[in-house]
Amino acid sequence: MPISPALLAILACPACKGDIKLTADETGLKCVACQRVYPVRGDIPVMIVDEAAVEPDRPVKP
């Protein structure tokens, strides 16, 4: 089951409080402000700063 649009609308980056978008490959959530990508494991977003990777070139879903 994919992440619901309602959940994406309320999630924010725990590091900078920026907006979150689903990555193009749907395996992560990317902060549009600080470029951190949080993994999605078993359809559950792992919103822990230490688990995120900074990936400025990783595309997000339009």
Protein backbone atom coordinates (compact mmCIF):
# COMPACT_ATOMS: atom_id res chain seq x y z
CA MET A 1 0.00 0.00 0.00
CA PRO A 2 1.59 3.31 -1.05
CA ILE A 3 1.83 6.34 1.21
CA SER A 4 -1.43 8.26 1.14
CA PRO A 5 -1.58 11.83 -0.17
CA ALA A 6 -3.24 12.86 3.12
CA LEU A 7 -0.21 11.64 5.08
CA LEU A 8 2.21 13.37 2.68
CA ALA A 9 0.29 16.61 3.17
CA ILE A 10 0.92 16.64 6.93
CA LEU A 11 4.47 15.26 7.07
CA ALA A 12 7.37 17.67 7.48
CA CYS A 13 11.12 17.20 7.56
CA PRO A 14 12.19 16.60 11.18
CA ALA A 15 15.49 18.44 10.55
CA CYS A 16 14.28 21.72 8.99
CA LYS A 17 10.46 21.43 8.99
CA GLY A 18 10.40 21.73 5.16
CA ASP A 19 7.85 20.12 2.84
CA ILE A 20 8.26 16.44 1.97
CA LYS A 21 7.73 14.88 -1.48
CA LEU A 22 7.74 11.23 -2.54
CA THR A 23 10.79 10.31 -4.62
CA ALA A 24 10.29 9.27 -8.23
CA ASP A 25 11.15 5.64 -7.43
CA GLU A 26 8.80 5.73 -4.39
CA THR A 27 11.46 4.36 -2.03
CA GLY A 28 11.96 7.56 -0.07
CA LEU A 29 10.60 10.90 1.03
CA LYS A 30 12.68 13.94 0.09
CA CYS A 31 12.69 17.31 1.79
CA VAL A 32 12.48 20.04 -0.84
CA ALA A 33 14.33 22.49 1.44
CA CYS A 34 17.35 20.61 2.80
CA GLN A 35 17.43 17.74 0.25
CA ARG A 36 17.41 14.98 2.89
CA VAL A 37 15.89 11.71 1.71
CA TYR A 38 14.16 9.60 4.35
CA PRO A 39 13.74 5.90 3.51
CA VAL A 40 10.38 4.16 3.21
CA ARG A 41 10.56 0.60 4.56
CA GLY A 42 7.56 -1.69 4.26
CA ASP A 43 5.35 1.29 3.31
CA ILE A 44 6.36 3.06 6.55
CA PRO A 45 8.34 6.31 6.31
CA VAL A 46 11.38 6.34 8.59
CA MET A 47 11.48 10.01 9.59
CA ILE A 48 14.69 9.85 11.66
CA VAL A 49 17.37 12.41 10.78
CA ASP A 50 20.19 9.89 11.34
CA GLU A 51 18.55 7.53 8.80
CA ALA A 52 18.35 10.21 6.07
CA ALA A 53 20.85 10.84 3.31
CA VAL A 54 21.41 14.22 1.63
CA GLU A 55 20.78 13.63 -2.08
CA PRO A 56 20.41 16.89 -4.05
CA ASP A 57 20.19 15.12 -7.44
CA ARG A 58 17.50 12.56 -6.52
CA PRO A 59 14.27 13.41 -8.38
CA VAL A 60 10.88 13.71 -6.70
CA LYS A 61 7.51 12.72 -8.05
CA PRO A 62 5.70 15.60 -9.75
